[in-house]
């Protein structure tokens, strides 16, 4: 359980709203970490830039990224 509540996706605008909608379409709900990052749009854009850069670099294959995400979620006691 997060110590802070994320934003309500219904109040999101612009790029943040588009990303949260895409996450809802793909996973059924926006990712909680993105709802938290969205409390500060500059932080949100920075985090998204990091993930976009990692995806574009081609350094990690998609199956490995999925495994890493799951492992980090487990370490953080996050239901992924």
Protein backbone atom coordinates (compact mmCIF):
# COMPACT_ATOMS: atom_id res chain seq x y z
CA UNK A 1 0.00 0.00 0.00
CA UNK A 2 1.37 3.38 -1.02
CA UNK A 3 1.83 6.07 1.60
CA UNK A 4 0.49 8.62 -0.87
CA UNK A 5 -2.50 8.36 -3.14
CA UNK A 6 -1.92 8.75 -6.85
CA UNK A 7 -3.93 11.13 -8.95
CA UNK A 8 -7.44 10.29 -10.05
CA UNK A 9 -7.04 9.33 -13.73
CA UNK A 10 -10.28 11.17 -14.51
CA UNK A 11 -8.56 14.46 -13.60
CA UNK A 12 -5.45 13.85 -15.71
CA UNK A 13 -4.88 15.94 -18.81
CA UNK A 14 -2.68 15.92 -21.88
CA UNK A 15 0.16 13.43 -22.18
CA UNK A 16 -0.43 12.01 -18.70
CA UNK A 17 -4.09 11.28 -19.46
CA UNK A 18 -3.13 9.59 -22.74
CA UNK A 19 -0.58 7.33 -21.03
CA UNK A 20 -2.98 6.40 -18.23
CA UNK A 21 -5.69 5.58 -20.81
CA UNK A 22 -3.25 3.40 -22.75
CA UNK A 23 -2.33 1.56 -19.56
CA UNK A 24 -6.01 1.04 -18.76
CA UNK A 25 -6.60 -0.37 -22.24
CA UNK A 26 -3.65 -2.74 -21.91
CA UNK A 27 -3.82 -3.81 -18.25
CA UNK A 28 -7.33 -2.87 -17.13
CA UNK A 29 -6.20 0.03 -14.93
CA UNK A 30 -3.43 2.63 -14.83
CA UNK A 31 -0.25 1.46 -13.14
CA UNK A 32 -0.13 2.68 -9.55
CA UNK A 33 3.44 3.94 -9.83
CA UNK A 34 2.45 6.13 -12.78
CA UNK A 35 -0.50 7.53 -10.81
CA UNK A 36 1.99 8.50 -8.09
CA UNK A 37 4.51 9.99 -10.55
CA UNK A 38 1.67 12.01 -12.09
CA UNK A 39 1.37 14.01 -8.87
CA UNK A 40 4.42 15.86 -10.23
CA UNK A 41 4.29 16.12 -14.03
CA UNK A 42 8.01 16.88 -14.34
CA UNK A 43 8.82 13.66 -12.46
CA UNK A 44 6.29 11.77 -14.59
CA UNK A 45 7.92 12.99 -17.81
CA UNK A 46 11.39 12.09 -16.49
CA UNK A 47 10.37 8.55 -15.56
CA UNK A 48 8.61 8.05 -18.88
CA UNK A 49 11.71 9.35 -20.68
CA UNK A 50 13.83 6.77 -18.85
CA UNK A 51 11.54 3.88 -19.87
CA UNK A 52 11.29 5.19 -23.43
CA UNK A 53 15.08 5.41 -23.61
CA UNK A 54 15.53 1.89 -22.29
CA UNK A 55 12.98 0.57 -24.79
CA UNK A 56 14.61 2.44 -27.68
CA UNK A 57 18.15 1.37 -26.74
CA UNK A 58 17.49 -2.25 -27.58
CA UNK A 59 19.84 -3.25 -24.74
CA UNK A 60 17.20 -5.39 -23.06
CA UNK A 61 14.94 -7.86 -24.82
CA UNK A 62 11.22 -7.52 -23.96
CA UNK A 63 11.06 -10.88 -22.11
CA UNK A 64 13.95 -9.79 -19.90
CA UNK A 65 12.29 -6.45 -19.21
CA UNK A 66 9.15 -8.31 -18.11
CA UNK A 67 11.19 -10.52 -15.77
CA UNK A 68 13.02 -7.52 -14.32
CA UNK A 69 9.77 -5.65 -13.75
CA UNK A 70 8.32 -8.64 -11.94
CA UNK A 71 11.43 -9.03 -9.78
CA UNK A 72 11.44 -5.35 -8.80
CA UNK A 73 7.72 -5.58 -8.00
CA UNK A 74 8.35 -8.60 -5.76
CA UNK A 75 11.20 -6.82 -3.97
CA UNK A 76 8.86 -3.86 -3.35
CA UNK A 77 5.99 -6.07 -2.15
CA UNK A 78 3.97 -4.90 -5.12
CA UNK A 79 1.29 -7.06 -6.68
CA UNK A 80 2.29 -6.96 -10.32
